Full PDB file with SEQRES, HELIX, SHEET, SSBOND, CRYST1, ORIGX, SCALE, CONECT and MASTER records, all heavy atoms in Angstrom:
SEQRES   1 A   33  SER THR THR ALA GLU GLU ALA ALA ALA ALA MET GLN GLY          
SEQRES   2 A   33  VAL CYS GLN ASP GLU SER HIS VAL MET LEU SER LEU LEU          
SEQRES   3 A   33  ARG MET HIS GLY ILE PRO CYS                                  
HELIX    1 AA1 ALA A    4  ALA A   10  1                                   7    
HELIX    2 AA2 CYS A   15  MET A   28  1                                  14    
CRYST1    1.000    1.000    1.000  90.00  90.00  90.00 P 1           1          
ORIGX1      1.000000  0.000000  0.000000        0.00000                         
ORIGX2      0.000000  1.000000  0.000000        0.00000                         
ORIGX3      0.000000  0.000000  1.000000        0.00000                         
SCALE1      1.000000  0.000000  0.000000        0.00000                         
SCALE2      0.000000  1.000000  0.000000        0.00000                         
SCALE3      0.000000  0.000000  1.000000        0.00000                         
ATOM      1  N   SER A   1       0.813  -1.227   0.000  1.00  0.00           N  
ATOM      2  CA  SER A   1       0.000   0.000   0.000  1.00  0.00           C  
ATOM      3  C   SER A   1       0.842   1.272   0.000  1.00  0.00           C  
ATOM      4  O   SER A   1       0.293   2.382   0.041  1.00  0.00           O  
ATOM      5  CB  SER A   1      -0.930   0.005   1.213  1.00  0.00           C  
ATOM      6  OG  SER A   1      -0.191  -0.016   2.420  1.00  0.00           O  
ATOM      7  N   THR A   2       2.174   1.161  -0.075  1.00  0.00           N  
ATOM      8  CA  THR A   2       3.039   2.339  -0.099  1.00  0.00           C  
ATOM      9  C   THR A   2       2.804   3.135  -1.380  1.00  0.00           C  
ATOM     10  O   THR A   2       2.829   2.589  -2.482  1.00  0.00           O  
ATOM     11  CB  THR A   2       4.510   1.936  -0.012  1.00  0.00           C  
ATOM     12  OG1 THR A   2       4.741   1.208   1.198  1.00  0.00           O  
ATOM     13  CG2 THR A   2       5.430   3.151  -0.039  1.00  0.00           C  
ATOM     14  N   THR A   3       2.592   4.423  -1.245  1.00  0.00           N  
ATOM     15  CA  THR A   3       2.334   5.269  -2.409  1.00  0.00           C  
ATOM     16  C   THR A   3       3.647   5.754  -3.027  1.00  0.00           C  
ATOM     17  O   THR A   3       4.718   5.683  -2.425  1.00  0.00           O  
ATOM     18  CB  THR A   3       1.489   6.486  -2.019  1.00  0.00           C  
ATOM     19  OG1 THR A   3       2.261   7.329  -1.148  1.00  0.00           O  
ATOM     20  CG2 THR A   3       0.203   6.062  -1.329  1.00  0.00           C  
ATOM     21  N   ALA A   4       3.529   6.307  -4.232  1.00  0.00           N  
ATOM     22  CA  ALA A   4       4.693   6.885  -4.893  1.00  0.00           C  
ATOM     23  C   ALA A   4       5.264   8.040  -4.078  1.00  0.00           C  
ATOM     24  O   ALA A   4       6.486   8.199  -3.975  1.00  0.00           O  
ATOM     25  CB  ALA A   4       4.310   7.362  -6.292  1.00  0.00           C  
ATOM     26  N   GLU A   5       4.401   8.857  -3.489  1.00  0.00           N  
ATOM     27  CA  GLU A   5       4.862   9.987  -2.679  1.00  0.00           C  
ATOM     28  C   GLU A   5       5.642   9.498  -1.461  1.00  0.00           C  
ATOM     29  O   GLU A   5       6.703  10.052  -1.124  1.00  0.00           O  
ATOM     30  CB  GLU A   5       3.674  10.835  -2.242  1.00  0.00           C  
ATOM     31  CG  GLU A   5       4.015  11.978  -1.295  1.00  0.00           C  
ATOM     32  CD  GLU A   5       4.916  13.040  -1.907  1.00  0.00           C  
ATOM     33  OE1 GLU A   5       5.019  13.105  -3.160  1.00  0.00           O  
ATOM     34  OE2 GLU A   5       5.508  13.815  -1.135  1.00  0.00           O  
ATOM     35  N   GLU A   6       5.156   8.461  -0.802  1.00  0.00           N  
ATOM     36  CA  GLU A   6       5.860   7.915   0.357  1.00  0.00           C  
ATOM     37  C   GLU A   6       7.202   7.318  -0.044  1.00  0.00           C  
ATOM     38  O   GLU A   6       8.210   7.501   0.654  1.00  0.00           O  
ATOM     39  CB  GLU A   6       4.990   6.863   1.039  1.00  0.00           C  
ATOM     40  CG  GLU A   6       3.760   7.437   1.712  1.00  0.00           C  
ATOM     41  CD  GLU A   6       2.741   6.393   2.118  1.00  0.00           C  
ATOM     42  OE1 GLU A   6       2.774   5.275   1.558  1.00  0.00           O  
ATOM     43  OE2 GLU A   6       1.913   6.678   3.003  1.00  0.00           O  
ATOM     44  N   ALA A   7       7.245   6.610  -1.178  1.00  0.00           N  
ATOM     45  CA  ALA A   7       8.503   6.042  -1.655  1.00  0.00           C  
ATOM     46  C   ALA A   7       9.481   7.140  -2.068  1.00  0.00           C  
ATOM     47  O   ALA A   7      10.687   7.042  -1.826  1.00  0.00           O  
ATOM     48  CB  ALA A   7       8.243   5.098  -2.824  1.00  0.00           C  
ATOM     49  N   ALA A   8       8.967   8.210  -2.668  1.00  0.00           N  
ATOM     50  CA  ALA A   8       9.827   9.315  -3.085  1.00  0.00           C  
ATOM     51  C   ALA A   8      10.401  10.055  -1.877  1.00  0.00           C  
ATOM     52  O   ALA A   8      11.539  10.538  -1.921  1.00  0.00           O  
ATOM     53  CB  ALA A   8       9.047  10.283  -3.967  1.00  0.00           C  
ATOM     54  N   ALA A   9       9.620  10.156  -0.812  1.00  0.00           N  
ATOM     55  CA  ALA A   9      10.111  10.830   0.399  1.00  0.00           C  
ATOM     56  C   ALA A   9      11.254  10.052   1.032  1.00  0.00           C  
ATOM     57  O   ALA A   9      12.225  10.635   1.532  1.00  0.00           O  
ATOM     58  CB  ALA A   9       8.972  11.006   1.405  1.00  0.00           C  
ATOM     59  N   ALA A  10      11.172   8.714   0.989  1.00  0.00           N  
ATOM     60  CA  ALA A  10      12.223   7.872   1.570  1.00  0.00           C  
ATOM     61  C   ALA A  10      13.331   7.569   0.568  1.00  0.00           C  
ATOM     62  O   ALA A  10      14.460   7.271   0.956  1.00  0.00           O  
ATOM     63  CB  ALA A  10      11.616   6.562   2.078  1.00  0.00           C  
ATOM     64  N   MET A  11      13.009   7.616  -0.721  1.00  0.00           N  
ATOM     65  CA  MET A  11      13.912   7.264  -1.823  1.00  0.00           C  
ATOM     66  C   MET A  11      14.525   5.873  -1.620  1.00  0.00           C  
ATOM     67  O   MET A  11      15.709   5.652  -1.859  1.00  0.00           O  
ATOM     68  CB  MET A  11      15.002   8.323  -2.003  1.00  0.00           C  
ATOM     69  CG  MET A  11      14.500   9.595  -2.677  1.00  0.00           C  
ATOM     70  SD  MET A  11      13.581   9.299  -4.226  1.00  0.00           S  
ATOM     71  CE  MET A  11      14.927   8.915  -5.345  1.00  0.00           C  
ATOM     72  N   GLN A  12      13.687   4.960  -1.195  1.00  0.00           N  
ATOM     73  CA  GLN A  12      14.082   3.562  -1.100  1.00  0.00           C  
ATOM     74  C   GLN A  12      12.831   2.689  -1.160  1.00  0.00           C  
ATOM     75  O   GLN A  12      11.725   3.145  -0.892  1.00  0.00           O  
ATOM     76  CB  GLN A  12      14.865   3.299   0.179  1.00  0.00           C  
ATOM     77  CG  GLN A  12      14.164   3.665   1.462  1.00  0.00           C  
ATOM     78  CD  GLN A  12      15.040   3.412   2.677  1.00  0.00           C  
ATOM     79  OE1 GLN A  12      16.014   2.667   2.616  1.00  0.00           O  
ATOM     80  NE2 GLN A  12      14.698   4.035   3.794  1.00  0.00           N  
ATOM     81  N   GLY A  13      13.031   1.436  -1.551  1.00  0.00           N  
ATOM     82  CA  GLY A  13      11.917   0.517  -1.698  1.00  0.00           C  
ATOM     83  C   GLY A  13      12.265  -0.552  -2.710  1.00  0.00           C  
ATOM     84  O   GLY A  13      13.442  -0.840  -2.956  1.00  0.00           O  
ATOM     85  N   VAL A  14      11.232  -1.150  -3.316  1.00  0.00           N  
ATOM     86  CA  VAL A  14      11.434  -2.251  -4.257  1.00  0.00           C  
ATOM     87  C   VAL A  14      10.893  -1.849  -5.628  1.00  0.00           C  
ATOM     88  O   VAL A  14      10.561  -0.686  -5.863  1.00  0.00           O  
ATOM     89  CB  VAL A  14      10.761  -3.540  -3.738  1.00  0.00           C  
ATOM     90  CG1 VAL A  14      11.450  -4.029  -2.475  1.00  0.00           C  
ATOM     91  CG2 VAL A  14       9.268  -3.309  -3.476  1.00  0.00           C  
ATOM     92  N   CYS A  15      10.802  -2.832  -6.535  1.00  0.00           N  
ATOM     93  CA  CYS A  15      10.446  -2.520  -7.917  1.00  0.00           C  
ATOM     94  C   CYS A  15       9.069  -1.871  -8.040  1.00  0.00           C  
ATOM     95  O   CYS A  15       8.875  -0.983  -8.876  1.00  0.00           O  
ATOM     96  CB  CYS A  15      10.536  -3.770  -8.788  1.00  0.00           C  
ATOM     97  SG  CYS A  15       9.497  -5.158  -8.264  1.00  0.00           S  
ATOM     98  N   GLN A  16       8.115  -2.292  -7.212  1.00  0.00           N  
ATOM     99  CA  GLN A  16       6.796  -1.663  -7.250  1.00  0.00           C  
ATOM    100  C   GLN A  16       6.900  -0.173  -6.925  1.00  0.00           C  
ATOM    101  O   GLN A  16       6.272   0.664  -7.583  1.00  0.00           O  
ATOM    102  CB  GLN A  16       5.846  -2.341  -6.271  1.00  0.00           C  
ATOM    103  CG  GLN A  16       4.502  -1.626  -6.141  1.00  0.00           C  
ATOM    104  CD  GLN A  16       3.520  -2.331  -5.235  1.00  0.00           C  
ATOM    105  OE1 GLN A  16       3.215  -3.490  -5.446  1.00  0.00           O  
ATOM    106  NE2 GLN A  16       3.025  -1.640  -4.206  1.00  0.00           N  
ATOM    107  N   ASP A  17       7.711   0.166  -5.933  1.00  0.00           N  
ATOM    108  CA  ASP A  17       7.850   1.566  -5.512  1.00  0.00           C  
ATOM    109  C   ASP A  17       8.528   2.412  -6.587  1.00  0.00           C  
ATOM    110  O   ASP A  17       8.069   3.519  -6.894  1.00  0.00           O  
ATOM    111  CB  ASP A  17       8.643   1.630  -4.208  1.00  0.00           C  
ATOM    112  CG  ASP A  17       8.019   0.787  -3.110  1.00  0.00           C  
ATOM    113  OD1 ASP A  17       6.844   1.017  -2.791  1.00  0.00           O  
ATOM    114  OD2 ASP A  17       8.694  -0.118  -2.597  1.00  0.00           O  
ATOM    115  N   GLU A  18       9.613   1.904  -7.147  1.00  0.00           N  
ATOM    116  CA  GLU A  18      10.302   2.660  -8.201  1.00  0.00           C  
ATOM    117  C   GLU A  18       9.389   2.865  -9.404  1.00  0.00           C  
ATOM    118  O   GLU A  18       9.387   3.939 -10.025  1.00  0.00           O  
ATOM    119  CB  GLU A  18      11.590   1.952  -8.617  1.00  0.00           C  
ATOM    120  CG  GLU A  18      12.730   2.168  -7.654  1.00  0.00           C  
ATOM    121  CD  GLU A  18      14.084   1.889  -8.283  1.00  0.00           C  
ATOM    122  OE1 GLU A  18      14.553   2.693  -9.118  1.00  0.00           O  
ATOM    123  OE2 GLU A  18      14.689   0.857  -7.929  1.00  0.00           O  
ATOM    124  N   SER A  19       8.624   1.836  -9.743  1.00  0.00           N  
ATOM    125  CA  SER A  19       7.710   1.966 -10.883  1.00  0.00           C  
ATOM    126  C   SER A  19       6.635   3.007 -10.593  1.00  0.00           C  
ATOM    127  O   SER A  19       6.285   3.813 -11.468  1.00  0.00           O  
ATOM    128  CB  SER A  19       7.077   0.607 -11.194  1.00  0.00           C  
ATOM    129  OG  SER A  19       8.061  -0.314 -11.627  1.00  0.00           O  
ATOM    130  N   HIS A  20       6.106   3.029  -9.373  1.00  0.00           N  
ATOM    131  CA  HIS A  20       5.101   4.034  -9.027  1.00  0.00           C  
ATOM    132  C   HIS A  20       5.684   5.447  -9.068  1.00  0.00           C  
ATOM    133  O   HIS A  20       5.021   6.389  -9.541  1.00  0.00           O  
ATOM    134  CB  HIS A  20       4.523   3.743  -7.639  1.00  0.00           C  
ATOM    135  CG  HIS A  20       3.481   2.672  -7.644  1.00  0.00           C  
ATOM    136  ND1 HIS A  20       3.169   1.939  -6.535  1.00  0.00           N  
ATOM    137  CD2 HIS A  20       2.683   2.204  -8.636  1.00  0.00           C  
ATOM    138  CE1 HIS A  20       2.210   1.068  -6.844  1.00  0.00           C  
ATOM    139  NE2 HIS A  20       1.910   1.215  -8.112  1.00  0.00           N  
ATOM    140  N   VAL A  21       6.906   5.613  -8.586  1.00  0.00           N  
ATOM    141  CA  VAL A  21       7.554   6.926  -8.653  1.00  0.00           C  
ATOM    142  C   VAL A  21       7.717   7.355 -10.109  1.00  0.00           C  
ATOM    143  O   VAL A  21       7.436   8.513 -10.472  1.00  0.00           O  
ATOM    144  CB  VAL A  21       8.914   6.901  -7.933  1.00  0.00           C  
ATOM    145  CG1 VAL A  21       9.698   8.188  -8.215  1.00  0.00           C  
ATOM    146  CG2 VAL A  21       8.721   6.732  -6.426  1.00  0.00           C  
ATOM    147  N   MET A  22       8.139   6.430 -10.949  1.00  0.00           N  
ATOM    148  CA  MET A  22       8.326   6.755 -12.363  1.00  0.00           C  
ATOM    149  C   MET A  22       6.995   7.110 -13.018  1.00  0.00           C  
ATOM    150  O   MET A  22       6.913   8.097 -13.781  1.00  0.00           O  
ATOM    151  CB  MET A  22       8.979   5.588 -13.096  1.00  0.00           C  
ATOM    152  CG  MET A  22       9.290   5.892 -14.549  1.00  0.00           C  
ATOM    153  SD  MET A  22      10.314   4.610 -15.308  1.00  0.00           S  
ATOM    154  CE  MET A  22      11.338   5.636 -16.374  1.00  0.00           C  
ATOM    155  N   LEU A  23       5.947   6.352 -12.736  1.00  0.00           N  
ATOM    156  CA  LEU A  23       4.629   6.667 -13.284  1.00  0.00           C  
ATOM    157  C   LEU A  23       4.205   8.082 -12.900  1.00  0.00           C  
ATOM    158  O   LEU A  23       3.707   8.845 -13.739  1.00  0.00           O  
ATOM    159  CB  LEU A  23       3.595   5.670 -12.768  1.00  0.00           C  
ATOM    160  CG  LEU A  23       3.673   4.228 -13.261  1.00  0.00           C  
ATOM    161  CD1 LEU A  23       2.669   3.359 -12.507  1.00  0.00           C  
ATOM    162  CD2 LEU A  23       3.436   4.137 -14.760  1.00  0.00           C  
ATOM    163  N   SER A  24       4.391   8.429 -11.633  1.00  0.00           N  
ATOM    164  CA  SER A  24       3.962   9.744 -11.167  1.00  0.00           C  
ATOM    165  C   SER A  24       4.714  10.855 -11.895  1.00  0.00           C  
ATOM    166  O   SER A  24       4.109  11.839 -12.348  1.00  0.00           O  
ATOM    167  CB  SER A  24       4.183   9.859  -9.654  1.00  0.00           C  
ATOM    168  OG  SER A  24       3.692  11.089  -9.175  1.00  0.00           O  
ATOM    169  N   LEU A  25       6.034  10.707 -12.018  1.00  0.00           N  
ATOM    170  CA  LEU A  25       6.831  11.747 -12.670  1.00  0.00           C  
ATOM    171  C   LEU A  25       6.476  11.879 -14.153  1.00  0.00           C  
ATOM    172  O   LEU A  25       6.384  12.996 -14.689  1.00  0.00           O  
ATOM    173  CB  LEU A  25       8.321  11.437 -12.498  1.00  0.00           C  
ATOM    174  CG  LEU A  25       8.853  11.574 -11.065  1.00  0.00           C  
ATOM    175  CD1 LEU A  25      10.274  11.024 -10.964  1.00  0.00           C  
ATOM    176  CD2 LEU A  25       8.820  13.039 -10.613  1.00  0.00           C  
ATOM    177  N   LEU A  26       6.273  10.760 -14.839  1.00  0.00           N  
ATOM    178  CA  LEU A  26       5.900  10.830 -16.251  1.00  0.00           C  
ATOM    179  C   LEU A  26       4.535  11.486 -16.421  1.00  0.00           C  
ATOM    180  O   LEU A  26       4.339  12.319 -17.318  1.00  0.00           O  
ATOM    181  CB  LEU A  26       5.888   9.425 -16.869  1.00  0.00           C  
ATOM    182  CG  LEU A  26       7.230   8.704 -16.969  1.00  0.00           C  
ATOM    183  CD1 LEU A  26       7.042   7.327 -17.609  1.00  0.00           C  
ATOM    184  CD2 LEU A  26       8.242   9.512 -17.772  1.00  0.00           C  
ATOM    185  N   ARG A  27       3.584  11.132 -15.555  1.00  0.00           N  
ATOM    186  CA  ARG A  27       2.244  11.716 -15.666  1.00  0.00           C  
ATOM    187  C   ARG A  27       2.240  13.204 -15.349  1.00  0.00           C  
ATOM    188  O   ARG A  27       1.385  13.942 -15.850  1.00  0.00           O  
ATOM    189  CB  ARG A  27       1.279  10.956 -14.753  1.00  0.00           C  
ATOM    190  CG  ARG A  27       0.962   9.568 -15.282  1.00  0.00           C  
ATOM    191  CD  ARG A  27       0.207   8.712 -14.298  1.00  0.00           C  
ATOM    192  NE  ARG A  27      -0.012   7.374 -14.851  1.00  0.00           N  
ATOM    193  CZ  ARG A  27      -0.425   6.316 -14.150  1.00  0.00           C  
ATOM    194  NH1 ARG A  27      -0.680   6.465 -12.845  1.00  0.00           N  
ATOM    195  NH2 ARG A  27      -0.587   5.146 -14.735  1.00  0.00           N  
ATOM    196  N   MET A  28       3.179  13.644 -14.531  1.00  0.00           N  
ATOM    197  CA  MET A  28       3.278  15.078 -14.259  1.00  0.00           C  
ATOM    198  C   MET A  28       3.619  15.853 -15.524  1.00  0.00           C  
ATOM    199  O   MET A  28       3.378  17.071 -15.604  1.00  0.00           O  
ATOM    200  CB  MET A  28       4.319  15.329 -13.163  1.00  0.00           C  
ATOM    201  CG  MET A  28       3.875  14.840 -11.787  1.00  0.00           C  
ATOM    202  SD  MET A  28       5.195  14.862 -10.555  1.00  0.00           S  
ATOM    203  CE  MET A  28       5.361  16.614 -10.281  1.00  0.00           C  
ATOM    204  N   HIS A  29       4.166  15.159 -16.518  1.00  0.00           N  
ATOM    205  CA  HIS A  29       4.503  15.784 -17.801  1.00  0.00           C  
ATOM    206  C   HIS A  29       3.516  15.395 -18.899  1.00  0.00           C  
ATOM    207  O   HIS A  29       3.783  15.635 -20.082  1.00  0.00           O  
ATOM    208  CB  HIS A  29       5.928  15.402 -18.208  1.00  0.00           C  
ATOM    209  CG  HIS A  29       6.976  16.027 -17.339  1.00  0.00           C  
ATOM    210  ND1 HIS A  29       7.607  17.214 -17.656  1.00  0.00           N  
ATOM    211  CD2 HIS A  29       7.485  15.640 -16.141  1.00  0.00           C  
ATOM    212  CE1 HIS A  29       8.468  17.527 -16.700  1.00  0.00           C  
ATOM    213  NE2 HIS A  29       8.407  16.592 -15.778  1.00  0.00           N  
ATOM    214  N   GLY A  30       2.405  14.801 -18.512  1.00  0.00           N  
ATOM    215  CA  GLY A  30       1.370  14.453 -19.480  1.00  0.00           C  
ATOM    216  C   GLY A  30       1.695  13.248 -20.340  1.00  0.00           C  
ATOM    217  O   GLY A  30       1.069  13.050 -21.385  1.00  0.00           O  
ATOM    218  N   ILE A  31       2.670  12.433 -19.923  1.00  0.00           N  
ATOM    219  CA  ILE A  31       3.072  11.264 -20.709  1.00  0.00           C  
ATOM    220  C   ILE A  31       2.225  10.063 -20.298  1.00  0.00           C  
ATOM    221  O   ILE A  31       2.254   9.656 -19.134  1.00  0.00           O  
ATOM    222  CB  ILE A  31       4.561  10.951 -20.502  1.00  0.00           C  
ATOM    223  CG1 ILE A  31       5.419  12.135 -20.975  1.00  0.00           C  
ATOM    224  CG2 ILE A  31       4.957   9.680 -21.247  1.00  0.00           C  
ATOM    225  CD1 ILE A  31       6.898  11.986 -20.671  1.00  0.00           C  
ATOM    226  N   PRO A  32       1.462   9.451 -21.200  1.00  0.00           N  
ATOM    227  CA  PRO A  32       0.676   8.264 -20.850  1.00  0.00           C  
ATOM    228  C   PRO A  32       1.617   7.104 -20.497  1.00  0.00           C  
ATOM    229  O   PRO A  32       2.567   6.819 -21.231  1.00  0.00           O  
ATOM    230  CB  PRO A  32      -0.116   7.957 -22.127  1.00  0.00           C  
ATOM    231  CG  PRO A  32      -0.010   9.191 -22.974  1.00  0.00           C  
ATOM    232  CD  PRO A  32       1.290   9.836 -22.617  1.00  0.00           C  
ATOM    233  N   CYS A  33       1.346   6.452 -19.396  1.00  0.00           N  
ATOM    234  CA  CYS A  33       2.230   5.362 -18.961  1.00  0.00           C  
ATOM    235  C   CYS A  33       1.444   4.371 -18.126  1.00  0.00           C  
ATOM    236  O   CYS A  33       0.404   4.705 -17.558  1.00  0.00           O  
ATOM    237  CB  CYS A  33       3.423   5.905 -18.171  1.00  0.00           C  
ATOM    238  SG  CYS A  33       2.985   7.034 -16.823  1.00  0.00           S  
TER     239      CYS A  33                                                      
MASTER        0    0    0    2    0    0    0    6  238    1    0    3          
END                                                                             
């Protein structure tokens, strides 16, 4: 249940967390992902 924001604040986690962080950053630029 860890969110992208929580993973970004800690900057650590596993593949699910890194993928969620990447999704969030890409969507902030309007990139479908």
